[in-house]
C-alpha atoms as a PDB file:
ATOM      1  CA  MET A   1    -185.771  61.271 -65.801  1.00  0.00           C
ATOM      2  CA  LYS A   2    -184.446  57.762 -66.364  1.00  0.00           C
ATOM      3  CA  LEU A   3    -186.064  55.464 -68.894  1.00  0.00           C
ATOM      4  CA  LEU A   4    -187.853  52.408 -67.539  1.00  0.00           C
ATOM      5  CA  SER A   5    -185.306  50.143 -69.207  1.00  0.00           C
ATOM      6  CA  HIS A   6    -182.463  51.941 -67.427  1.00  0.00           C
ATOM      7  CA  ILE A   7    -184.199  51.723 -64.055  1.00  0.00           C
ATOM      8  CA  LYS A   8    -184.806  48.008 -64.588  1.00  0.00           C
ATOM      9  CA  LYS A   9    -181.116  47.446 -65.388  1.00  0.00           C
ATOM     10  CA  ASP A  10    -180.132  49.329 -62.217  1.00  0.00           C
ATOM     11  CA  MET A  11    -182.480  47.133 -60.181  1.00  0.00           C
ATOM     12  CA  GLU A  12    -181.016  43.962 -61.692  1.00  0.00           C
ATOM     13  CA  PHE A  13    -177.494  45.189 -60.971  1.00  0.00           C
ATOM     14  CA  ASN A  14    -178.394  46.008 -57.361  1.00  0.00           C
ATOM     15  CA  ASN A  15    -179.969  42.585 -56.890  1.00  0.00           C
ATOM     16  CA  SER A  16    -176.776  40.926 -58.103  1.00  0.00           C
ATOM     17  CA  LEU A  17    -174.661  43.186 -55.891  1.00  0.00           C
ATOM     18  CA  TYR A  18    -176.912  42.428 -52.914  1.00  0.00           C
ATOM     19  CA  SER A  19    -176.401  38.685 -53.428  1.00  0.00           C
ATOM     20  CA  LEU A  20    -172.631  39.171 -53.693  1.00  0.00           C
ATOM     21  CA  VAL A  21    -172.533  41.160 -50.444  1.00  0.00           C
ATOM     22  CA  GLU A  22    -174.523  38.424 -48.709  1.00  0.00           C
ATOM     23  CA  VAL A  23    -171.888  35.886 -49.807  1.00  0.00           C
ATOM     24  CA  LEU A  24    -169.076  38.127 -48.541  1.00  0.00           C
ATOM     25  CA  ILE A  25    -170.872  38.522 -45.208  1.00  0.00           C
ATOM     26  CA  ALA A  26    -171.175  34.746 -44.846  1.00  0.00           C
ATOM     27  CA  ILE A  27    -167.456  34.385 -45.604  1.00  0.00           C
ATOM     28  CA  SER A  28    -166.544  37.060 -43.036  1.00  0.00           C
ATOM     29  CA  ILE A  29    -168.620  35.343 -40.342  1.00  0.00           C
ATOM     30  CA  SER A  30    -167.012  31.985 -41.115  1.00  0.00           C
ATOM     31  CA  GLN A  31    -163.483  33.427 -41.055  1.00  0.00           C
ATOM     32  CA  TYR A  32    -164.184  35.239 -37.789  1.00  0.00           C
ATOM     33  CA  ARG A  33    -165.494  32.111 -36.053  1.00  0.00           C
ATOM     34  CA  ILE A  34    -162.566  29.981 -37.232  1.00  0.00           C
ATOM     35  CA  LEU A  35    -159.953  32.545 -36.173  1.00  0.00           C
ATOM     36  CA  GLU A  36    -161.737  33.163 -32.872  1.00  0.00           C
ATOM     37  CA  LYS A  37    -161.301  29.484 -31.971  1.00  0.00           C
ATOM     38  CA  LYS A  38    -157.612  29.576 -32.933  1.00  0.00           C
ATOM     39  CA  THR A  39    -156.745  32.819 -31.144  1.00  0.00           C
ATOM     40  CA  ARG A  40    -155.389  32.068 -27.696  1.00  0.00           C
ATOM     41  CA  SER A  41    -154.994  34.399 -24.757  1.00  0.00           C
ATOM     42  CA  PHE A  42    -151.878  34.094 -22.606  1.00  0.00           C
ATOM     43  CA  GLU A  43    -153.217  35.721 -19.443  1.00  0.00           C
ATOM     44  CA  LYS A  44    -152.158  32.752 -17.294  1.00  0.00           C
ATOM     45  CA  LEU A  45    -148.635  32.997 -18.671  1.00  0.00           C
ATOM     46  CA  PHE A  46    -148.482  36.729 -17.948  1.00  0.00           C
ATOM     47  CA  SER A  47    -149.692  36.151 -14.385  1.00  0.00           C
ATOM     48  CA  ALA A  48    -146.982  33.516 -13.964  1.00  0.00           C
ATOM     49  CA  LEU A  49    -144.361  35.948 -15.264  1.00  0.00           C
ATOM     50  CA  GLU A  50    -145.444  38.550 -12.734  1.00  0.00           C
ATOM     51  CA  SER A  51    -145.114  35.924 -10.018  1.00  0.00           C
ATOM     52  CA  PHE A  52    -141.555  35.212 -11.145  1.00  0.00           C
ATOM     53  CA  PHE A  53    -140.765  38.922 -11.044  1.00  0.00           C
ATOM     54  CA  ALA A  54    -142.051  39.014  -7.496  1.00  0.00           C
ATOM     55  CA  LEU A  55    -139.517  36.375  -6.447  1.00  0.00           C
ATOM     56  CA  ILE A  56    -136.423  38.168  -7.718  1.00  0.00           C
ATOM     57  CA  ASP A  57    -135.141  41.591  -6.831  1.00  0.00           C
ATOM     58  CA  VAL A  58    -135.757  43.684  -9.927  1.00  0.00           C
ATOM     59  CA  GLU A  59    -136.320  46.973  -8.123  1.00  0.00           C
ATOM     60  CA  ASN A  60    -132.676  47.915  -8.460  1.00  0.00           C
ATOM     61  CA  SER A  61    -132.111  46.193 -11.802  1.00  0.00           C
ATOM     62  CA  ARG A  62    -130.176  48.049 -14.479  1.00  0.00           C
ATOM     63  CA  HIS A  63    -131.177  45.606 -17.209  1.00  0.00           C
ATOM     64  CA  PRO A  64    -132.282  47.563 -20.348  1.00  0.00           C
ATOM     65  CA  LEU A  65    -135.576  45.660 -20.538  1.00  0.00           C
ATOM     66  CA  ILE A  66    -136.427  46.394 -16.904  1.00  0.00           C
ATOM     67  CA  ASN A  67    -135.092  49.917 -16.494  1.00  0.00           C
ATOM     68  CA  THR A  68    -136.173  51.939 -19.536  1.00  0.00           C
ATOM     69  CA  ALA A  69    -135.583  55.413 -18.098  1.00  0.00           C
ATOM     70  CA  ASP A  70    -133.643  58.119 -19.956  1.00  0.00           C
ATOM     71  CA  ARG A  71    -134.216  56.540 -23.375  1.00  0.00           C
ATOM     72  CA  ALA A  72    -136.504  57.531 -26.244  1.00  0.00           C
ATOM     73  CA  PRO A  73    -139.781  55.595 -26.102  1.00  0.00           C
ATOM     74  CA  GLY A  74    -141.218  53.494 -28.916  1.00  0.00           C
ATOM     75  CA  ILE A  75    -144.757  53.215 -30.227  1.00  0.00           C
ATOM     76  CA  ILE A  76    -145.922  50.221 -32.276  1.00  0.00           C
ATOM     77  CA  VAL A  77    -149.114  50.502 -34.332  1.00  0.00           C
ATOM     78  CA  VAL A  78    -150.823  47.498 -35.928  1.00  0.00           C
ATOM     79  CA  THR A  79    -152.845  48.157 -39.100  1.00  0.00           C
ATOM     80  CA  SER A  80    -154.586  45.980 -41.664  1.00  0.00           C
ATOM     81  CA  ASP A  81    -153.698  45.471 -45.320  1.00  0.00           C
ATOM     82  CA  SER A  82    -157.312  44.647 -46.202  1.00  0.00           C
ATOM     83  CA  GLY A  83    -160.073  46.967 -47.304  1.00  0.00           C
ATOM     84  CA  LEU A  84    -163.666  47.217 -46.067  1.00  0.00           C
ATOM     85  CA  ILE A  85    -162.681  47.791 -42.440  1.00  0.00           C
ATOM     86  CA  GLY A  86    -164.032  51.277 -41.916  1.00  0.00           C
ATOM     87  CA  GLY A  87    -161.820  53.784 -40.100  1.00  0.00           C
ATOM     88  CA  LEU A  88    -159.836  51.411 -37.869  1.00  0.00           C
ATOM     89  CA  ASN A  89    -156.558  52.010 -39.712  1.00  0.00           C
ATOM     90  CA  VAL A  90    -156.993  55.773 -39.681  1.00  0.00           C
ATOM     91  CA  GLN A  91    -157.943  55.839 -36.009  1.00  0.00           C
ATOM     92  CA  ALA A  92    -154.968  53.682 -34.995  1.00  0.00           C
ATOM     93  CA  MET A  93    -152.513  55.697 -37.091  1.00  0.00           C
ATOM     94  CA  ASN A  94    -153.816  59.038 -35.799  1.00  0.00           C
ATOM     95  CA  MET A  95    -153.360  57.848 -32.207  1.00  0.00           C
ATOM     96  CA  ALA A  96    -149.848  56.552 -32.941  1.00  0.00           C
ATOM     97  CA  MET A  97    -148.706  59.698 -34.740  1.00  0.00           C
ATOM     98  CA  LYS A  98    -150.081  61.904 -31.990  1.00  0.00           C
ATOM     99  CA  GLU A  99    -148.082  59.854 -29.463  1.00  0.00           C
ATOM    100  CA  ALA A 100    -144.965  60.079 -31.639  1.00  0.00           C
ATOM    101  CA  ARG A 101    -145.237  63.859 -32.016  1.00  0.00           C
ATOM    102  CA  THR A 102    -146.034  64.428 -28.339  1.00  0.00           C
ATOM    103  CA  THR A 103    -143.367  62.205 -26.770  1.00  0.00           C
ATOM    104  CA  GLY A 104    -140.807  61.976 -29.574  1.00  0.00           C
ATOM    105  CA  ALA A 105    -141.365  58.206 -29.673  1.00  0.00           C
ATOM    106  CA  LYS A 106    -139.941  56.068 -32.441  1.00  0.00           C
ATOM    107  CA  LEU A 107    -142.798  54.955 -34.701  1.00  0.00           C
ATOM    108  CA  ILE A 108    -142.969  51.266 -35.668  1.00  0.00           C
ATOM    109  CA  VAL A 109    -145.725  50.415 -38.155  1.00  0.00           C
ATOM    110  CA  VAL A 110    -147.124  46.956 -38.886  1.00  0.00           C
ATOM    111  CA  GLY A 111    -149.087  46.773 -42.152  1.00  0.00           C
ATOM    112  CA  GLU A 112    -148.888  48.247 -45.656  1.00  0.00           C
ATOM    113  CA  ARG A 113    -151.828  50.645 -45.212  1.00  0.00           C
ATOM    114  CA  GLY A 114    -150.214  52.033 -42.086  1.00  0.00           C
ATOM    115  CA  ARG A 115    -146.862  52.372 -43.876  1.00  0.00           C
ATOM    116  CA  LEU A 116    -148.447  54.445 -46.648  1.00  0.00           C
ATOM    117  CA  TYR A 117    -150.261  56.605 -44.101  1.00  0.00           C
ATOM    118  CA  ALA A 118    -147.066  57.189 -42.117  1.00  0.00           C
ATOM    119  CA  ALA A 119    -145.088  57.999 -45.268  1.00  0.00           C
ATOM    120  CA  ASP A 120    -147.459  60.869 -46.045  1.00  0.00           C
ATOM    121  CA  SER A 121    -147.086  62.273 -42.521  1.00  0.00           C
ATOM    122  CA  GLY A 122    -143.360  62.951 -42.750  1.00  0.00           C
ATOM    123  CA  ILE A 123    -142.687  61.222 -39.412  1.00  0.00           C
ATOM    124  CA  PRO A 124    -139.678  58.823 -39.435  1.00  0.00           C
ATOM    125  CA  PHE A 125    -140.772  55.226 -38.956  1.00  0.00           C
ATOM    126  CA  VAL A 126    -139.848  51.575 -39.309  1.00  0.00           C
ATOM    127  CA  SER A 127    -142.320  49.227 -40.992  1.00  0.00           C
ATOM    128  CA  PHE A 128    -143.152  45.506 -40.959  1.00  0.00           C
ATOM    129  CA  LYS A 129    -145.425  43.470 -43.213  1.00  0.00           C
ATOM    130  CA  GLY A 130    -149.111  43.189 -42.434  1.00  0.00           C
ATOM    131  CA  VAL A 131    -150.252  40.298 -40.262  1.00  0.00           C
ATOM    132  CA  GLN A 132    -151.189  37.055 -42.047  1.00  0.00           C
ATOM    133  CA  ASP A 133    -152.895  34.134 -40.324  1.00  0.00           C
ATOM    134  CA  GLU A 134    -150.416  31.582 -41.683  1.00  0.00           C
ATOM    135  CA  THR A 135    -147.300  33.494 -40.560  1.00  0.00           C
ATOM    136  CA  ARG A 136    -148.619  35.268 -37.460  1.00  0.00           C
ATOM    137  CA  LEU A 137    -146.291  33.509 -35.020  1.00  0.00           C
ATOM    138  CA  ALA A 138    -143.211  34.091 -37.178  1.00  0.00           C
ATOM    139  CA  GLN A 139    -144.142  37.761 -37.615  1.00  0.00           C
ATOM    140  CA  ALA A 140    -144.601  38.153 -33.856  1.00  0.00           C
ATOM    141  CA  GLN A 141    -141.154  36.659 -33.271  1.00  0.00           C
ATOM    142  CA  GLN A 142    -139.617  38.907 -35.924  1.00  0.00           C
ATOM    143  CA  LEU A 143    -141.052  42.017 -34.266  1.00  0.00           C
ATOM    144  CA  ARG A 144    -139.983  40.706 -30.832  1.00  0.00           C
ATOM    145  CA  ASP A 145    -136.400  40.184 -32.035  1.00  0.00           C
ATOM    146  CA  TYR A 146    -136.268  43.699 -33.496  1.00  0.00           C
ATOM    147  CA  ILE A 147    -137.568  45.248 -30.272  1.00  0.00           C
ATOM    148  CA  MET A 148    -135.088  43.199 -28.241  1.00  0.00           C
ATOM    149  CA  GLU A 149    -132.184  44.411 -30.380  1.00  0.00           C
ATOM    150  CA  GLN A 150    -133.323  48.037 -30.069  1.00  0.00           C
ATOM    151  CA  GLU A 151    -133.816  47.789 -26.312  1.00  0.00           C
ATOM    152  CA  MET A 152    -130.559  45.974 -25.597  1.00  0.00           C
ATOM    153  CA  SER A 153    -128.592  48.495 -27.687  1.00  0.00           C
ATOM    154  CA  LEU A 154    -130.271  51.311 -25.693  1.00  0.00           C
ATOM    155  CA  LYS A 155    -132.004  52.768 -28.762  1.00  0.00           C
ATOM    156  CA  LEU A 156    -135.471  52.357 -27.251  1.00  0.00           C
ATOM    157  CA  GLY A 157    -136.922  52.902 -23.801  1.00  0.00           C
ATOM    158  CA  GLY A 158    -140.541  52.520 -22.795  1.00  0.00           C
ATOM    159  CA  LEU A 159    -142.755  50.752 -25.301  1.00  0.00           C
ATOM    160  CA  LYS A 160    -146.459  51.026 -26.150  1.00  0.00           C
ATOM    161  CA  ILE A 161    -148.540  49.269 -28.777  1.00  0.00           C
ATOM    162  CA  ILE A 162    -151.727  50.514 -30.457  1.00  0.00           C
ATOM    163  CA  PHE A 163    -153.956  47.901 -32.054  1.00  0.00           C
ATOM    164  CA  PRO A 164    -157.604  47.212 -32.915  1.00  0.00           C
ATOM    165  CA  ARG A 165    -159.417  44.611 -30.814  1.00  0.00           C
ATOM    166  CA  ALA A 166    -162.771  42.943 -31.446  1.00  0.00           C
ATOM    167  CA  PHE A 167    -165.112  42.362 -28.519  1.00  0.00           C
ATOM    168  CA  SER A 168    -167.631  40.619 -30.781  1.00  0.00           C
ATOM    169  CA  ILE A 169    -168.325  40.282 -34.474  1.00  0.00           C
ATOM    170  CA  VAL A 170    -170.162  43.631 -34.394  1.00  0.00           C
ATOM    171  CA  SER A 171    -167.934  45.548 -31.967  1.00  0.00           C
ATOM    172  CA  GLN A 172    -164.295  46.584 -32.181  1.00  0.00           C
ATOM    173  CA  GLN A 173    -162.140  49.293 -30.644  1.00  0.00           C
ATOM    174  CA  VAL A 174    -158.595  50.636 -30.966  1.00  0.00           C
ATOM    175  CA  GLN A 175    -156.639  50.110 -27.735  1.00  0.00           C
ATOM    176  CA  THR A 176    -153.305  51.277 -26.318  1.00  0.00           C
ATOM    177  CA  LEU A 177    -151.225  48.951 -24.146  1.00  0.00           C
ATOM    178  CA  THR A 178    -147.961  49.644 -22.298  1.00  0.00           C
ATOM    179  CA  LEU A 179    -145.490  46.786 -22.797  1.00  0.00           C
ATOM    180  CA  LEU A 180    -142.284  48.195 -21.306  1.00  0.00           C
ATOM    181  CA  PRO A 181    -141.271  48.763 -18.633  1.00  0.00           C
ATOM    182  CA  PHE A 182    -142.842  45.467 -17.582  1.00  0.00           C
ATOM    183  CA  SER A 183    -145.284  46.143 -14.741  1.00  0.00           C
ATOM    184  CA  LYS A 184    -143.729  44.799 -11.563  1.00  0.00           C
ATOM    185  CA  VAL A 185    -145.818  43.309  -8.763  1.00  0.00           C
ATOM    186  CA  SER A 186    -145.395  44.723  -5.294  1.00  0.00           C
ATOM    187  CA  LEU A 187    -142.723  42.468  -3.837  1.00  0.00           C
ATOM    188  CA  SER A 188    -143.833  42.873  -0.223  1.00  0.00           C
ATOM    189  CA  SER A 189    -147.487  42.086  -0.974  1.00  0.00           C
ATOM    190  CA  VAL A 190    -146.648  38.949  -2.925  1.00  0.00           C
ATOM    191  CA  LYS A 191    -144.214  37.815  -0.267  1.00  0.00           C
ATOM    192  CA  ALA A 192    -146.841  38.271   2.433  1.00  0.00           C
ATOM    193  CA  ALA A 193    -149.562  36.575   0.408  1.00  0.00           C
ATOM    194  CA  SER A 194    -147.533  33.578  -0.676  1.00  0.00           C
ATOM    195  CA  GLY A 195    -145.259  33.141   2.301  1.00  0.00           C
ATOM    196  CA  LEU A 196    -142.279  33.049  -0.071  1.00  0.00           C
ATOM    197  CA  GLY A 197    -139.130  34.923   0.686  1.00  0.00           C
ATOM    198  CA  LEU A 198    -136.685  36.555  -1.660  1.00  0.00           C
ATOM    199  CA  ASP A 199    -133.645  34.790  -0.270  1.00  0.00           C
ATOM    200  CA  MET A 200    -132.898  32.122  -2.829  1.00  0.00           C
ATOM    201  CA  ILE A 201    -129.977  30.729  -4.794  1.00  0.00           C
ATOM    202  CA  LEU A 202    -130.074  31.723  -8.464  1.00  0.00           C
ATOM    203  CA  GLU A 203    -128.045  29.839 -11.062  1.00  0.00           C
ATOM    204  CA  SER A 204    -128.184  32.883 -13.329  1.00  0.00           C
ATOM    205  CA  SER A 205    -128.145  36.537 -12.416  1.00  0.00           C
ATOM    206  CA  ALA A 206    -131.447  38.201 -11.560  1.00  0.00           C
ATOM    207  CA  ASP A 207    -130.985  40.559 -14.513  1.00  0.00           C
ATOM    208  CA  ASP A 208    -130.537  37.673 -16.952  1.00  0.00           C
ATOM    209  CA  ILE A 209    -133.615  35.903 -15.602  1.00  0.00           C
ATOM    210  CA  ALA A 210    -135.682  39.087 -15.758  1.00  0.00           C
ATOM    211  CA  GLY A 211    -134.477  39.816 -19.286  1.00  0.00           C
ATOM    212  CA  TYR A 212    -135.409  36.347 -20.493  1.00  0.00           C
ATOM    213  CA  LEU A 213    -138.845  36.582 -18.917  1.00  0.00           C
ATOM    214  CA  VAL A 214    -139.495  39.860 -20.727  1.00  0.00           C
ATOM    215  CA  TYR A 215    -138.253  38.210 -23.929  1.00  0.00           C
ATOM    216  CA  LEU A 216    -140.878  35.470 -23.484  1.00  0.00           C
ATOM    217  CA  PHE A 217    -143.526  38.014 -22.567  1.00  0.00           C
ATOM    218  CA  LEU A 218    -142.991  40.133 -25.714  1.00  0.00           C
ATOM    219  CA  GLY A 219    -143.081  37.172 -28.091  1.00  0.00           C
ATOM    220  CA  HIS A 220    -146.334  35.779 -26.720  1.00  0.00           C
ATOM    221  CA  LYS A 221    -147.896  39.227 -26.348  1.00  0.00           C
ATOM    222  CA  PHE A 222    -147.210  40.205 -29.964  1.00  0.00           C
ATOM    223  CA  HIS A 223    -148.660  36.885 -31.123  1.00  0.00           C
ATOM    224  CA  GLU A 224    -151.766  37.471 -29.027  1.00  0.00           C
ATOM    225  CA  ILE A 225    -152.195  41.072 -30.191  1.00  0.00           C
ATOM    226  CA  PHE A 226    -151.782  40.110 -33.854  1.00  0.00           C
ATOM    227  CA  GLY A 227    -154.612  37.621 -33.384  1.00  0.00           C
ATOM    228  CA  PHE A 228    -156.807  40.277 -31.775  1.00  0.00           C
ATOM    229  CA  ALA A 229    -156.045  42.662 -34.651  1.00  0.00           C
ATOM    230  CA  ARG A 230    -157.041  40.097 -37.277  1.00  0.00           C
ATOM    231  CA  LEU A 231    -160.314  39.441 -35.448  1.00  0.00           C
ATOM    232  CA  ALA A 232    -160.996  43.191 -35.326  1.00  0.00           C
ATOM    233  CA  GLU A 233    -160.327  43.388 -39.066  1.00  0.00           C
ATOM    234  CA  LEU A 234    -162.887  40.668 -39.808  1.00  0.00           C
ATOM    235  CA  SER A 235    -165.359  42.234 -37.383  1.00  0.00           C
ATOM    236  CA  ALA A 236    -165.029  45.660 -39.011  1.00  0.00           C
ATOM    237  CA  ARG A 237    -165.410  44.112 -42.461  1.00  0.00           C
ATOM    238  CA  PHE A 238    -168.614  42.364 -41.373  1.00  0.00           C
ATOM    239  CA  VAL A 239    -170.080  45.628 -40.037  1.00  0.00           C
ATOM    240  CA  HIS A 240    -169.100  47.489 -43.207  1.00  0.00           C
ATOM    241  CA  LEU A 241    -170.690  44.833 -45.434  1.00  0.00           C
ATOM    242  CA  GLU A 242    -173.873  44.838 -43.344  1.00  0.00           C
ATOM    243  CA  ASN A 243    -174.114  48.610 -43.743  1.00  0.00           C
ATOM    244  CA  SER A 244    -173.537  48.274 -47.491  1.00  0.00           C
ATOM    245  CA  LYS A 245    -176.245  45.612 -47.692  1.00  0.00           C
ATOM    246  CA  THR A 246    -178.701  47.948 -45.952  1.00  0.00           C
ATOM    247  CA  LYS A 247    -177.852  50.822 -48.310  1.00  0.00           C
ATOM    248  CA  ILE A 248    -178.303  48.618 -51.377  1.00  0.00           C
ATOM    249  CA  ASP A 249    -181.681  47.452 -50.072  1.00  0.00           C
ATOM    250  CA  GLN A 250    -182.803  51.038 -49.474  1.00  0.00           C
ATOM    251  CA  LEU A 251    -181.628  52.105 -52.932  1.00  0.00           C
ATOM    252  CA  ASN A 252    -183.458  49.195 -54.534  1.00  0.00           C
ATOM    253  CA  LYS A 253    -186.692  50.152 -52.753  1.00  0.00           C
ATOM    254  CA  GLN A 254    -186.368  53.682 -54.138  1.00  0.00           C
ATOM    255  CA  LEU A 255    -185.751  52.325 -57.640  1.00  0.00           C
ATOM    256  CA  LYS A 256    -188.808  50.059 -57.379  1.00  0.00           C
ATOM    257  CA  LEU A 257    -190.994  53.005 -56.384  1.00  0.00           C
ATOM    258  CA  GLN A 258    -189.572  55.057 -59.233  1.00  0.00           C
ATOM    259  CA  TYR A 259    -190.058  52.174 -61.684  1.00  0.00           C
ATOM    260  CA  PHE A 260    -193.711  51.505 -60.778  1.00  0.00           C
ATOM    261  CA  ARG A 261    -194.525  55.209 -60.651  1.00  0.00           C
ATOM    262  CA  GLN A 262    -193.188  55.769 -64.168  1.00  0.00           C
ATOM    263  CA  ARG A 263    -194.782  52.554 -65.401  1.00  0.00           C
ATOM    264  CA  HIS A 264    -198.173  53.691 -64.130  1.00  0.00           C
ATOM    265  CA  GLU A 265    -197.652  57.076 -65.766  1.00  0.00           C
ATOM    266  CA  VAL A 266    -196.880  55.387 -69.083  1.00  0.00           C
ATOM    267  CA  ILE A 267    -199.971  53.173 -68.768  1.00  0.00           C
ATOM    268  CA  ASP A 268    -202.157  56.184 -67.913  1.00  0.00           C
ATOM    269  CA  ARG A 269    -200.760  58.173 -70.827  1.00  0.00           C
ATOM    270  CA  ASN A 270    -201.347  55.302 -73.246  1.00  0.00           C
ATOM    271  CA  MET A 271    -204.890  54.856 -72.003  1.00  0.00           C
ATOM    272  CA  ARG A 272    -205.603  58.562 -72.473  1.00  0.00           C
ATOM    273  CA  GLU A 273    -204.151  58.504 -75.962  1.00  0.00           C
ATOM    274  CA  ILE A 274    -206.225  55.451 -76.859  1.00  0.00           C
ATOM    275  CA  PHE A 275    -209.365  57.110 -75.453  1.00  0.00           C
ATOM    276  CA  VAL A 276    -208.746  60.352 -77.386  1.00  0.00           C
ATOM    277  CA  ALA A 277    -208.031  58.406 -80.568  1.00  0.00           C
ATOM    278  CA  ARG A 278    -211.268  56.408 -80.177  1.00  0.00           C
ATOM    279  CA  MET A 279    -213.322  59.557 -79.525  1.00  0.00           C
ATOM    280  CA  THR A 280    -211.821  61.177 -82.612  1.00  0.00           C
ATOM    281  CA  PHE A 281    -212.523  58.058 -84.686  1.00  0.00           C
ATOM    282  CA  ASN A 282    -216.171  57.925 -83.521  1.00  0.00           C
ATOM    283  CA  LYS A 283    -216.723  61.603 -84.361  1.00  0.00           C
ATOM    284  CA  GLY A 284    -215.336  61.053 -87.815  1.00  0.00           C
END
């Protein structure tokens, strides 16, 4: 049984820890809100790209970025370098490694935690630094350039990316998205809906235009996904800190009960000893 002094010290420590966690929670909320305002979605751009694809004949294209058949696929997984994010890293890495083992895909890891996890698995992989808010665009372009080089040299085929995404500050989920081959709109349906024909004069070849559009698509998509991943990281950290705060509060309540119970026992024992001593004194 702990001494009262030890229990009191534990309670003081827990109170200090509780206050620290509250500060960290406030910081996480602030960072999430700021990044949420900065993170942009490029859905309009992607819709425009699909419209461009509908206006050129890519069905018979042999461009490496359009036709990815007969080449080993690639799987990109985005992980966080930060702690206090629960099992997001583990979940994302398990999904990526399962895909790599099943399909023989080349594993591309973003983030130091993911790199360490992949190194222990024995699966060959290529790694990139974890996403930072200040360099997110440059990192997206670096990954885009690497993928472009691999695709154009026929070292990669189809491409998927696994990443965590936050739906709110208390909800996040690991998602899988197919990036290549780029999903092509039905040419006949777009032609009928828009009244546009496919007979046009192109200054560049259709393959070159399609390749450049995919190049734009990958750069913006990586930038968008990196933003989603950072939001998921902050969301998971907030949830983890909230859970820790609840556990500390519960532990402190147990310590308080233990403290007052023992304190009452000490008071009762002292009162009995005083009573016995007084009775003995009176008899003497």
